[in-house]
Amino acid sequence: MLAAYARNVNPDDPFAALSVGEIEPPAVPEDWTRVALVAASLNRHDLWSLAGVGLRADQCPMILGTDAVGRTENGDEVVVYPVIGDASLADETLDPKRTLLSELHPGTLAEYVSVPERNLLPAPKGWTAAEAACLPTAYLTAWRMLTTRGRLPAADGAVLVQGTGGGVATAAIVLAKALGARVYATGRSPERREKAAELGAVPTEAGGRLPERVDIVVDSVGEPVMEHSIKSLKPGGRLVICGVTGGHAPRIDLRHVFFKQLEILGSTMGTRDELVELLRFCAEREVKPVIDSTYALADAERALRRLASGEAFGKVIVTNG
């Protein structure tokens, strides 16, 4: 079958480790189901895998991809939940042995993917497969950051989203607006800030002073924005971090943290139940993901290079058929 996969890993030149071509279809373990790919969305995780972050050379070849919408053998269109964890836990994201598709098990950038039956959810009606494929990683991560971890107030809430343009940041703007919050968004260029404004956010230069202090900061950047994030929070506010694309070792003035009684919270992905909630919320509020561009599976390298360029605004999609 056709797939985009890590042939090996290469920290210096990740694309030197990428192959797009024929590979053996994944095995279908007991209680798992084979799904035919319709659409998948790309994530930074795919680029990190090629660079050897979270993926070892002895695990290769490994099919990339965490997100997908596909069809079962019965013809049902389904959304794939990508976390493989202990289903007996109330929160499988706290399972220390959890993995994402493409880490231990072959991922979704292929004509077929195999997943546990419980990891399949009905695709939302009235959505394209490309739209639904955006939800399981970036939008689920943003949803958990805003709700479970960030505890966004039901009324009169304010949110700062750092690093407009990335998948999680864009998702956070869209979802926070749909939840009724006032949203501020930083961006490294006027063009990206303008696009954030089109989504309903108040655009702010990186490090710029906000008109008010916020309840939650949603951050996937890390080191370069940490000081600004902490200073932007109101007393009792929460900084929720899901990534460190800008660096992982910031300096923090702890006086702000204890005097304002701030919370600094880590967050990653979300539970299956949270994905169910997210699907329902998006359907009820008619929330649609922001898509940057769409490529055929055979052009997966072009799609990954688009993601790696840092120029994408919203999700990059790969389709099959």
C-alpha atoms as a PDB file:
ATOM      1  CA  MET A   1       0.000   0.000   0.000  1.00  0.00           C
ATOM      2  CA  LEU A   2       1.018   3.632  -0.431  1.00  0.00           C
ATOM      3  CA  ALA A   3       2.258   5.381   2.711  1.00  0.00           C
ATOM      4  CA  ALA A   4       4.460   8.188   4.015  1.00  0.00           C
ATOM      5  CA  TYR A   5       6.890   6.673   6.483  1.00  0.00           C
ATOM      6  CA  ALA A   6      10.124   7.213   8.366  1.00  0.00           C
ATOM      7  CA  ARG A   7      12.627   4.957   6.626  1.00  0.00           C
ATOM      8  CA  ASN A   8      15.027   5.834   9.453  1.00  0.00           C
ATOM      9  CA  VAL A   9      15.570   8.944  11.594  1.00  0.00           C
ATOM     10  CA  ASN A  10      17.818  11.923  10.892  1.00  0.00           C
ATOM     11  CA  PRO A  11      18.117  14.795  13.406  1.00  0.00           C
ATOM     12  CA  ASP A  12      20.195  16.891  10.994  1.00  0.00           C
ATOM     13  CA  ASP A  13      18.012  16.451   7.905  1.00  0.00           C
ATOM     14  CA  PRO A  14      14.609  14.965   8.806  1.00  0.00           C
ATOM     15  CA  PHE A  15      13.426  14.827   5.195  1.00  0.00           C
ATOM     16  CA  ALA A  16      16.354  12.556   4.336  1.00  0.00           C
ATOM     17  CA  ALA A  17      14.608   9.961   6.524  1.00  0.00           C
ATOM     18  CA  LEU A  18      11.253  10.258   4.729  1.00  0.00           C
ATOM     19  CA  SER A  19       9.917   7.857   2.117  1.00  0.00           C
ATOM     20  CA  VAL A  20       6.621   8.056   0.263  1.00  0.00           C
ATOM     21  CA  GLY A  21       5.983   4.759  -1.465  1.00  0.00           C
ATOM     22  CA  GLU A  22       4.829   1.182  -1.112  1.00  0.00           C
ATOM     23  CA  ILE A  23       5.006  -0.597   2.223  1.00  0.00           C
ATOM     24  CA  GLU A  24       3.340  -3.642   3.779  1.00  0.00           C
ATOM     25  CA  PRO A  25      -0.130  -2.925   5.222  1.00  0.00           C
ATOM     26  CA  PRO A  26      -0.248  -2.931   9.040  1.00  0.00           C
ATOM     27  CA  ALA A  27      -1.290  -6.068  10.884  1.00  0.00           C
ATOM     28  CA  VAL A  28      -4.764  -6.124  12.438  1.00  0.00           C
ATOM     29  CA  PRO A  29      -4.485  -7.419  16.028  1.00  0.00           C
ATOM     30  CA  GLU A  30      -7.443  -8.959  17.811  1.00  0.00           C
ATOM     31  CA  ASP A  31     -10.063  -6.327  18.764  1.00  0.00           C
ATOM     32  CA  TRP A  32      -8.536  -3.903  16.266  1.00  0.00           C
ATOM     33  CA  THR A  33     -10.111  -2.719  13.018  1.00  0.00           C
ATOM     34  CA  ARG A  34      -8.658  -1.856   9.640  1.00  0.00           C
ATOM     35  CA  VAL A  35      -9.747   1.547   8.327  1.00  0.00           C
ATOM     36  CA  ALA A  36      -9.317   2.865   4.776  1.00  0.00           C
ATOM     37  CA  LEU A  37      -7.937   6.396   4.828  1.00  0.00           C
ATOM     38  CA  VAL A  38     -10.066   9.240   3.470  1.00  0.00           C
ATOM     39  CA  ALA A  39      -8.212  12.225   4.972  1.00  0.00           C
ATOM     40  CA  ALA A  40      -5.489  12.885   7.514  1.00  0.00           C
ATOM     41  CA  SER A  41      -4.098  16.067   9.023  1.00  0.00           C
ATOM     42  CA  LEU A  42      -0.419  16.667   9.688  1.00  0.00           C
ATOM     43  CA  ASN A  43       1.151  17.656  12.989  1.00  0.00           C
ATOM     44  CA  ARG A  44       4.582  18.716  14.230  1.00  0.00           C
ATOM     45  CA  HIS A  45       4.760  15.245  15.731  1.00  0.00           C
ATOM     46  CA  ASP A  46       5.331  13.899  12.200  1.00  0.00           C
ATOM     47  CA  LEU A  47       8.377  16.133  11.731  1.00  0.00           C
ATOM     48  CA  TRP A  48       9.740  15.277  15.162  1.00  0.00           C
ATOM     49  CA  SER A  49       9.442  11.569  14.363  1.00  0.00           C
ATOM     50  CA  LEU A  50      11.575  12.002  11.252  1.00  0.00           C
ATOM     51  CA  ALA A  51      14.141  13.807  13.414  1.00  0.00           C
ATOM     52  CA  GLY A  52      14.216  10.946  15.924  1.00  0.00           C
ATOM     53  CA  VAL A  53      12.265  12.643  18.713  1.00  0.00           C
ATOM     54  CA  GLY A  54      10.122   9.901  20.226  1.00  0.00           C
ATOM     55  CA  LEU A  55      11.044   7.465  17.463  1.00  0.00           C
ATOM     56  CA  ARG A  56      14.165   5.311  17.363  1.00  0.00           C
ATOM     57  CA  ALA A  57      15.909   4.031  14.260  1.00  0.00           C
ATOM     58  CA  ASP A  58      15.251   0.434  15.322  1.00  0.00           C
ATOM     59  CA  GLN A  59      11.489   1.136  15.203  1.00  0.00           C
ATOM     60  CA  CYS A  60      11.687   2.062  11.523  1.00  0.00           C
ATOM     61  CA  PRO A  61      10.202   1.817   9.031  1.00  0.00           C
ATOM     62  CA  MET A  62       7.312   3.563  10.789  1.00  0.00           C
ATOM     63  CA  ILE A  63       4.279   5.006   9.038  1.00  0.00           C
ATOM     64  CA  LEU A  64       3.756   8.610  10.092  1.00  0.00           C
ATOM     65  CA  GLY A  65       0.514  10.319  11.088  1.00  0.00           C
ATOM     66  CA  THR A  66      -1.743  10.521  14.141  1.00  0.00           C
ATOM     67  CA  ASP A  67      -5.006  11.983  12.786  1.00  0.00           C
ATOM     68  CA  ALA A  68      -7.393  10.419  10.311  1.00  0.00           C
ATOM     69  CA  VAL A  69     -10.898  10.048   9.032  1.00  0.00           C
ATOM     70  CA  GLY A  70     -11.562   6.813   7.224  1.00  0.00           C
ATOM     71  CA  ARG A  71     -14.072   4.145   6.290  1.00  0.00           C
ATOM     72  CA  THR A  72     -14.499   0.812   7.990  1.00  0.00           C
ATOM     73  CA  GLU A  73     -15.099  -2.375   6.043  1.00  0.00           C
ATOM     74  CA  ASN A  74     -18.828  -1.767   6.690  1.00  0.00           C
ATOM     75  CA  GLY A  75     -18.600   1.602   4.938  1.00  0.00           C
ATOM     76  CA  ASP A  76     -19.008   3.714   8.089  1.00  0.00           C
ATOM     77  CA  GLU A  77     -17.049   6.986   8.090  1.00  0.00           C
ATOM     78  CA  VAL A  78     -15.163   7.330  11.360  1.00  0.00           C
ATOM     79  CA  VAL A  79     -12.788   9.660  13.187  1.00  0.00           C
ATOM     80  CA  VAL A  80      -9.702   7.959  14.591  1.00  0.00           C
ATOM     81  CA  TYR A  81      -8.773   8.711  18.215  1.00  0.00           C
ATOM     82  CA  PRO A  82      -4.971   8.433  18.144  1.00  0.00           C
ATOM     83  CA  VAL A  83      -4.028   7.687  21.763  1.00  0.00           C
ATOM     84  CA  ILE A  84      -3.283   4.028  22.500  1.00  0.00           C
ATOM     85  CA  GLY A  85      -3.455   3.824  26.286  1.00  0.00           C
ATOM     86  CA  ASP A  86      -4.934   1.937  29.205  1.00  0.00           C
ATOM     87  CA  ALA A  87      -8.664   2.061  28.530  1.00  0.00           C
ATOM     88  CA  SER A  88      -9.425   1.167  32.154  1.00  0.00           C
ATOM     89  CA  LEU A  89      -8.108   4.542  33.320  1.00  0.00           C
ATOM     90  CA  ALA A  90     -10.491   7.482  33.588  1.00  0.00           C
ATOM     91  CA  ASP A  91      -7.864   9.557  31.789  1.00  0.00           C
ATOM     92  CA  GLU A  92      -5.760   7.509  29.387  1.00  0.00           C
ATOM     93  CA  THR A  93      -3.481  10.497  28.761  1.00  0.00           C
ATOM     94  CA  LEU A  94      -2.087   9.903  32.269  1.00  0.00           C
ATOM     95  CA  ASP A  95      -1.045   6.354  31.365  1.00  0.00           C
ATOM     96  CA  PRO A  96       2.787   6.495  31.477  1.00  0.00           C
ATOM     97  CA  LYS A  97       2.914   3.755  28.835  1.00  0.00           C
ATOM     98  CA  ARG A  98       0.526   5.467  26.416  1.00  0.00           C
ATOM     99  CA  THR A  99       1.605   6.043  22.847  1.00  0.00           C
ATOM    100  CA  LEU A 100       0.291   7.868  19.815  1.00  0.00           C
ATOM    101  CA  LEU A 101      -0.223   6.203  16.502  1.00  0.00           C
ATOM    102  CA  SER A 102       3.101   6.330  14.594  1.00  0.00           C
ATOM    103  CA  GLU A 103       5.156   5.842  17.778  1.00  0.00           C
ATOM    104  CA  LEU A 104       4.713   2.143  18.537  1.00  0.00           C
ATOM    105  CA  HIS A 105       1.976   1.297  16.039  1.00  0.00           C
ATOM    106  CA  PRO A 106       1.858   2.344  12.359  1.00  0.00           C
ATOM    107  CA  GLY A 107       0.253   5.725  11.795  1.00  0.00           C
ATOM    108  CA  THR A 108      -2.387   7.223   9.550  1.00  0.00           C
ATOM    109  CA  LEU A 109      -0.499   8.574   6.508  1.00  0.00           C
ATOM    110  CA  ALA A 110      -1.284   5.473   4.512  1.00  0.00           C
ATOM    111  CA  GLU A 111      -4.051   3.891   2.494  1.00  0.00           C
ATOM    112  CA  TYR A 112      -4.966   1.806   5.560  1.00  0.00           C
ATOM    113  CA  VAL A 113      -4.498   2.104   9.320  1.00  0.00           C
ATOM    114  CA  SER A 114      -5.304  -0.404  12.075  1.00  0.00           C
ATOM    115  CA  VAL A 115      -6.644   0.819  15.424  1.00  0.00           C
ATOM    116  CA  PRO A 116      -8.504  -0.565  18.454  1.00  0.00           C
ATOM    117  CA  GLU A 117     -12.256  -0.602  17.888  1.00  0.00           C
ATOM    118  CA  ARG A 118     -12.822   1.775  20.833  1.00  0.00           C
ATOM    119  CA  ASN A 119     -10.652   4.356  19.068  1.00  0.00           C
ATOM    120  CA  LEU A 120     -13.220   4.838  16.310  1.00  0.00           C
ATOM    121  CA  LEU A 121     -15.912   7.512  16.621  1.00  0.00           C
ATOM    122  CA  PRO A 122     -18.655   8.385  14.129  1.00  0.00           C
ATOM    123  CA  ALA A 123     -17.614  11.227  11.839  1.00  0.00           C
ATOM    124  CA  PRO A 124     -19.730  14.380  12.297  1.00  0.00           C
ATOM    125  CA  LYS A 125     -22.514  14.736   9.755  1.00  0.00           C
ATOM    126  CA  GLY A 126     -22.288  17.670   7.386  1.00  0.00           C
ATOM    127  CA  TRP A 127     -18.512  17.860   7.669  1.00  0.00           C
ATOM    128  CA  THR A 128     -15.961  17.056   5.020  1.00  0.00           C
ATOM    129  CA  ALA A 129     -13.477  14.323   5.890  1.00  0.00           C
ATOM    130  CA  ALA A 130     -10.704  16.939   5.754  1.00  0.00           C
ATOM    131  CA  GLU A 131     -12.460  19.083   8.370  1.00  0.00           C
ATOM    132  CA  ALA A 132     -13.095  16.157  10.711  1.00  0.00           C
ATOM    133  CA  ALA A 133      -9.491  14.957  10.367  1.00  0.00           C
ATOM    134  CA  CYS A 134      -8.300  18.191  12.001  1.00  0.00           C
ATOM    135  CA  LEU A 135      -9.867  17.361  15.374  1.00  0.00           C
ATOM    136  CA  PRO A 136      -8.105  14.385  17.026  1.00  0.00           C
ATOM    137  CA  THR A 137      -4.759  16.050  17.812  1.00  0.00           C
ATOM    138  CA  ALA A 138      -4.635  19.853  17.447  1.00  0.00           C
ATOM    139  CA  TYR A 139      -8.270  20.655  18.218  1.00  0.00           C
ATOM    140  CA  LEU A 140      -8.520  18.031  20.965  1.00  0.00           C
ATOM    141  CA  THR A 141      -5.331  19.409  22.544  1.00  0.00           C
ATOM    142  CA  ALA A 142      -6.722  22.967  22.449  1.00  0.00           C
ATOM    143  CA  TRP A 143     -10.087  21.797  23.811  1.00  0.00           C
ATOM    144  CA  ARG A 144      -8.495  20.108  26.828  1.00  0.00           C
ATOM    145  CA  MET A 145      -6.268  23.135  27.434  1.00  0.00           C
ATOM    146  CA  LEU A 146      -9.252  25.483  27.504  1.00  0.00           C
ATOM    147  CA  THR A 147     -11.708  23.293  29.409  1.00  0.00           C
ATOM    148  CA  THR A 148     -10.306  20.456  31.537  1.00  0.00           C
ATOM    149  CA  ARG A 149      -6.948  22.042  32.321  1.00  0.00           C
ATOM    150  CA  GLY A 150      -7.623  25.758  31.835  1.00  0.00           C
ATOM    151  CA  ARG A 151     -11.121  25.795  33.356  1.00  0.00           C
ATOM    152  CA  LEU A 152     -12.267  28.658  31.142  1.00  0.00           C
ATOM    153  CA  PRO A 153     -14.994  30.597  32.968  1.00  0.00           C
ATOM    154  CA  ALA A 154     -18.471  30.023  31.554  1.00  0.00           C
ATOM    155  CA  ALA A 155     -19.001  33.771  31.329  1.00  0.00           C
ATOM    156  CA  ASP A 156     -16.728  36.776  30.911  1.00  0.00           C
ATOM    157  CA  GLY A 157     -13.588  34.733  30.239  1.00  0.00           C
ATOM    158  CA  ALA A 158     -10.462  36.034  28.533  1.00  0.00           C
ATOM    159  CA  VAL A 159      -7.776  34.017  26.755  1.00  0.00           C
ATOM    160  CA  LEU A 160      -4.365  34.805  25.279  1.00  0.00           C
ATOM    161  CA  VAL A 161      -3.161  32.480  22.528  1.00  0.00           C
ATOM    162  CA  GLN A 162       0.569  32.596  21.886  1.00  0.00           C
ATOM    163  CA  GLY A 163       1.994  31.925  18.422  1.00  0.00           C
ATOM    164  CA  THR A 164      -0.881  32.378  16.007  1.00  0.00           C
ATOM    165  CA  GLY A 165      -0.854  30.170  12.927  1.00  0.00           C
ATOM    166  CA  GLY A 166       0.080  26.762  14.280  1.00  0.00           C
ATOM    167  CA  GLY A 167      -2.520  24.026  14.489  1.00  0.00           C
ATOM    168  CA  VAL A 168      -3.108  24.182  18.254  1.00  0.00           C
ATOM    169  CA  ALA A 169      -2.983  27.983  18.389  1.00  0.00           C
ATOM    170  CA  THR A 170      -5.475  28.360  15.554  1.00  0.00           C
ATOM    171  CA  ALA A 171      -7.718  25.728  17.141  1.00  0.00           C
ATOM    172  CA  ALA A 172      -7.566  27.558  20.475  1.00  0.00           C
ATOM    173  CA  ILE A 173      -8.731  30.807  18.869  1.00  0.00           C
ATOM    174  CA  VAL A 174     -11.636  29.117  17.104  1.00  0.00           C
ATOM    175  CA  LEU A 175     -12.739  27.111  20.139  1.00  0.00           C
ATOM    176  CA  ALA A 176     -12.275  29.894  22.703  1.00  0.00           C
ATOM    177  CA  LYS A 177     -14.420  32.224  20.583  1.00  0.00           C
ATOM    178  CA  ALA A 178     -17.083  29.520  20.281  1.00  0.00           C
ATOM    179  CA  LEU A 179     -16.974  29.111  24.073  1.00  0.00           C
ATOM    180  CA  GLY A 180     -17.774  32.816  24.423  1.00  0.00           C
ATOM    181  CA  ALA A 181     -14.374  34.106  25.533  1.00  0.00           C
ATOM    182  CA  ARG A 182     -12.595  37.307  24.559  1.00  0.00           C
ATOM    183  CA  VAL A 183      -9.492  36.167  22.712  1.00  0.00           C
ATOM    184  CA  TYR A 184      -6.148  37.880  22.209  1.00  0.00           C
ATOM    185  CA  ALA A 185      -3.558  36.344  19.893  1.00  0.00           C
ATOM    186  CA  THR A 186       0.104  37.072  19.259  1.00  0.00           C
ATOM    187  CA  GLY A 187       1.756  36.530  15.909  1.00  0.00           C
ATOM    188  CA  ARG A 188       5.232  37.027  14.522  1.00  0.00           C
ATOM    189  CA  SER A 189       4.060  38.899  11.417  1.00  0.00           C
ATOM    190  CA  PRO A 190       1.331  41.397  10.537  1.00  0.00           C
ATOM    191  CA  GLU A 191      -0.118  38.861   8.078  1.00  0.00           C
ATOM    192  CA  ARG A 192      -0.569  36.212  10.735  1.00  0.00           C
ATOM    193  CA  ARG A 193      -2.054  38.705  13.172  1.00  0.00           C
ATOM    194  CA  GLU A 194      -4.467  39.826  10.464  1.00  0.00           C
ATOM    195  CA  LYS A 195      -5.595  36.248   9.924  1.00  0.00           C
ATOM    196  CA  ALA A 196      -6.086  35.846  13.676  1.00  0.00           C
ATOM    197  CA  ALA A 197      -8.301  38.923  13.583  1.00  0.00           C
ATOM    198  CA  GLU A 198     -10.368  37.307  10.828  1.00  0.00           C
ATOM    199  CA  LEU A 199     -11.039  34.447  13.261  1.00  0.00           C
ATOM    200  CA  GLY A 200     -12.307  36.906  15.871  1.00  0.00           C
ATOM    201  CA  ALA A 201      -9.189  37.409  18.002  1.00  0.00           C
ATOM    202  CA  VAL A 202      -7.722  40.762  18.977  1.00  0.00           C
ATOM    203  CA  PRO A 203      -4.266  40.692  17.363  1.00  0.00           C
ATOM    204  CA  THR A 204      -1.290  41.568  19.544  1.00  0.00           C
ATOM    205  CA  GLU A 205       2.403  41.900  18.749  1.00  0.00           C
ATOM    206  CA  ALA A 206       4.586  39.301  20.439  1.00  0.00           C
ATOM    207  CA  GLY A 207       5.326  40.562  23.935  1.00  0.00           C
ATOM    208  CA  GLY A 208       2.806  43.386  23.592  1.00  0.00           C
ATOM    209  CA  ARG A 209       0.679  44.724  26.428  1.00  0.00           C
ATOM    210  CA  LEU A 210      -2.925  43.495  26.466  1.00  0.00           C
ATOM    211  CA  PRO A 211      -5.989  45.670  27.175  1.00  0.00           C
ATOM    212  CA  GLU A 212      -6.724  43.390  30.135  1.00  0.00           C
ATOM    213  CA  ARG A 213      -5.198  40.496  31.997  1.00  0.00           C
ATOM    214  CA  VAL A 214      -6.522  37.095  31.048  1.00  0.00           C
ATOM    215  CA  ASP A 215      -7.811  33.971  32.754  1.00  0.00           C
ATOM    216  CA  ILE A 216      -5.857  31.558  30.553  1.00  0.00           C
ATOM    217  CA  VAL A 217      -2.783  31.646  28.359  1.00  0.00           C
ATOM    218  CA  VAL A 218      -2.631  28.875  25.748  1.00  0.00           C
ATOM    219  CA  ASP A 219       1.020  28.279  24.874  1.00  0.00           C
ATOM    220  CA  SER A 220       2.744  25.868  22.509  1.00  0.00           C
ATOM    221  CA  VAL A 221       5.853  28.058  22.069  1.00  0.00           C
ATOM    222  CA  GLY A 222       7.557  27.963  25.449  1.00  0.00           C
ATOM    223  CA  GLU A 223      10.780  29.800  26.214  1.00  0.00           C
ATOM    224  CA  PRO A 224      10.470  33.024  24.144  1.00  0.00           C
ATOM    225  CA  VAL A 225       6.989  33.898  25.423  1.00  0.00           C
ATOM    226  CA  MET A 226       7.094  32.653  29.021  1.00  0.00           C
ATOM    227  CA  GLU A 227       7.686  36.035  30.639  1.00  0.00           C
ATOM    228  CA  HIS A 228       4.936  37.655  28.569  1.00  0.00           C
ATOM    229  CA  SER A 229       2.527  34.814  29.360  1.00  0.00           C
ATOM    230  CA  ILE A 230       3.026  35.116  33.112  1.00  0.00           C
ATOM    231  CA  LYS A 231       2.721  38.918  33.100  1.00  0.00           C
ATOM    232  CA  SER A 232      -0.476  38.689  31.023  1.00  0.00           C
ATOM    233  CA  LEU A 233      -2.367  36.577  33.586  1.00  0.00           C
ATOM    234  CA  LYS A 234      -4.786  38.000  36.110  1.00  0.00           C
ATOM    235  CA  PRO A 235      -4.480  36.867  39.752  1.00  0.00           C
ATOM    236  CA  GLY A 236      -5.386  33.180  39.933  1.00  0.00           C
ATOM    237  CA  GLY A 237      -4.875  32.775  36.191  1.00  0.00           C
ATOM    238  CA  ARG A 238      -3.607  29.671  34.450  1.00  0.00           C
ATOM    239  CA  LEU A 239      -0.779  29.214  31.961  1.00  0.00           C
ATOM    240  CA  VAL A 240      -1.432  25.988  30.042  1.00  0.00           C
ATOM    241  CA  ILE A 241       1.496  24.611  28.050  1.00  0.00           C
ATOM    242  CA  CYS A 242       1.310  21.856  25.430  1.00  0.00           C
ATOM    243  CA  GLY A 243       4.562  22.358  23.542  1.00  0.00           C
ATOM    244  CA  VAL A 244       7.912  24.117  23.363  1.00  0.00           C
ATOM    245  CA  THR A 245       8.527  24.855  19.693  1.00  0.00           C
ATOM    246  CA  GLY A 246      10.579  27.912  20.700  1.00  0.00           C
ATOM    247  CA  GLY A 247      12.626  26.274  23.456  1.00  0.00           C
ATOM    248  CA  HIS A 248      12.147  24.311  26.672  1.00  0.00           C
ATOM    249  CA  ALA A 249      14.286  26.126  29.276  1.00  0.00           C
ATOM    250  CA  PRO A 250      12.824  29.566  30.078  1.00  0.00           C
ATOM    251  CA  ARG A 251      13.787  31.770  32.991  1.00  0.00           C
ATOM    252  CA  ILE A 252      10.824  32.501  35.279  1.00  0.00           C
ATOM    253  CA  ASP A 253      10.387  35.249  37.853  1.00  0.00           C
ATOM    254  CA  LEU A 254       8.679  33.179  40.526  1.00  0.00           C
ATOM    255  CA  ARG A 255       7.586  36.303  42.414  1.00  0.00           C
ATOM    256  CA  HIS A 256       4.810  36.800  39.855  1.00  0.00           C
ATOM    257  CA  VAL A 257       3.764  33.168  40.234  1.00  0.00           C
ATOM    258  CA  PHE A 258       3.328  33.076  43.989  1.00  0.00           C
ATOM    259  CA  PHE A 259       2.158  36.647  44.550  1.00  0.00           C
ATOM    260  CA  LYS A 260      -0.573  36.371  41.891  1.00  0.00           C
ATOM    261  CA  GLN A 261      -1.255  32.726  42.840  1.00  0.00           C
ATOM    262  CA  LEU A 262      -0.835  31.572  39.252  1.00  0.00           C
ATOM    263  CA  GLU A 263      -1.005  28.012  37.979  1.00  0.00           C
ATOM    264  CA  ILE A 264       1.404  26.613  35.366  1.00  0.00           C
ATOM    265  CA  LEU A 265      -0.155  23.505  33.877  1.00  0.00           C
ATOM    266  CA  GLY A 266       1.060  20.931  31.410  1.00  0.00           C
ATOM    267  CA  SER A 267      -1.391  19.427  28.943  1.00  0.00           C
ATOM    268  CA  THR A 268      -1.162  16.910  26.147  1.00  0.00           C
ATOM    269  CA  MET A 269      -3.800  15.528  23.785  1.00  0.00           C
ATOM    270  CA  GLY A 270      -7.103  14.584  25.429  1.00  0.00           C
ATOM    271  CA  THR A 271      -9.221  11.592  26.364  1.00  0.00           C
ATOM    272  CA  ARG A 272     -11.583   9.691  24.121  1.00  0.00           C
ATOM    273  CA  ASP A 273     -14.503  11.146  26.090  1.00  0.00           C
ATOM    274  CA  GLU A 274     -13.147  14.657  25.538  1.00  0.00           C
ATOM    275  CA  LEU A 275     -12.992  13.975  21.799  1.00  0.00           C
ATOM    276  CA  VAL A 276     -16.653  12.901  21.970  1.00  0.00           C
ATOM    277  CA  GLU A 277     -17.460  16.190  23.756  1.00  0.00           C
ATOM    278  CA  LEU A 278     -15.471  18.158  21.186  1.00  0.00           C
ATOM    279  CA  LEU A 279     -17.253  16.526  18.253  1.00  0.00           C
ATOM    280  CA  ARG A 280     -20.620  17.260  19.850  1.00  0.00           C
ATOM    281  CA  PHE A 281     -19.669  20.856  20.684  1.00  0.00           C
ATOM    282  CA  CYS A 282     -18.435  21.586  17.165  1.00  0.00           C
ATOM    283  CA  ALA A 283     -21.577  20.121  15.630  1.00  0.00           C
ATOM    284  CA  GLU A 284     -23.897  22.081  17.950  1.00  0.00           C
ATOM    285  CA  ARG A 285     -22.037  25.402  17.552  1.00  0.00           C
ATOM    286  CA  GLU A 286     -21.281  24.860  13.845  1.00  0.00           C
ATOM    287  CA  VAL A 287     -17.572  25.269  14.519  1.00  0.00           C
ATOM    288  CA  LYS A 288     -15.372  24.391  11.550  1.00  0.00           C
ATOM    289  CA  PRO A 289     -11.582  23.945  11.636  1.00  0.00           C
ATOM    290  CA  VAL A 290      -9.223  26.228   9.746  1.00  0.00           C
ATOM    291  CA  ILE A 291      -7.509  24.423   6.848  1.00  0.00           C
ATOM    292  CA  ASP A 292      -4.376  25.830   5.247  1.00  0.00           C
ATOM    293  CA  SER A 293      -3.942  23.470   2.286  1.00  0.00           C
ATOM    294  CA  THR A 294      -4.747  19.992   0.985  1.00  0.00           C
ATOM    295  CA  TYR A 295      -2.479  17.476  -0.772  1.00  0.00           C
ATOM    296  CA  ALA A 296      -2.864  13.969  -2.170  1.00  0.00           C
ATOM    297  CA  LEU A 297      -1.258  11.130  -0.212  1.00  0.00           C
ATOM    298  CA  ALA A 298       1.249  10.673  -3.030  1.00  0.00           C
ATOM    299  CA  ASP A 299       2.330  14.302  -2.410  1.00  0.00           C
ATOM    300  CA  ALA A 300       2.810  13.797   1.334  1.00  0.00           C
ATOM    301  CA  GLU A 301       6.380  15.098   1.195  1.00  0.00           C
ATOM    302  CA  ARG A 302       5.152  18.421  -0.217  1.00  0.00           C
ATOM    303  CA  ALA A 303       2.552  18.558   2.537  1.00  0.00           C
ATOM    304  CA  LEU A 304       5.147  17.894   5.245  1.00  0.00           C
ATOM    305  CA  ARG A 305       7.448  20.524   3.771  1.00  0.00           C
ATOM    306  CA  ARG A 306       4.575  23.001   3.864  1.00  0.00           C
ATOM    307  CA  LEU A 307       4.143  22.244   7.558  1.00  0.00           C
ATOM    308  CA  ALA A 308       7.891  22.486   8.187  1.00  0.00           C
ATOM    309  CA  SER A 309       8.108  25.862   6.429  1.00  0.00           C
ATOM    310  CA  GLY A 310       6.254  27.593   9.260  1.00  0.00           C
ATOM    311  CA  GLU A 311       4.162  29.463   6.709  1.00  0.00           C
ATOM    312  CA  ALA A 312       0.994  27.382   7.087  1.00  0.00           C
ATOM    313  CA  PHE A 313      -1.961  29.001   8.863  1.00  0.00           C
ATOM    314  CA  GLY A 314      -4.252  26.251  10.076  1.00  0.00           C
ATOM    315  CA  LYS A 315      -4.082  22.552   9.317  1.00  0.00           C
ATOM    316  CA  VAL A 316      -2.311  20.867   6.406  1.00  0.00           C
ATOM    317  CA  ILE A 317      -4.371  17.961   5.058  1.00  0.00           C
ATOM    318  CA  VAL A 318      -3.544  14.806   3.105  1.00  0.00           C
ATOM    319  CA  THR A 319      -6.304  12.942   1.265  1.00  0.00           C
ATOM    320  CA  ASN A 320      -6.569   9.531  -0.349  1.00  0.00           C
ATOM    321  CA  GLY A 321      -8.783   8.922  -3.357  1.00  0.00           C
END
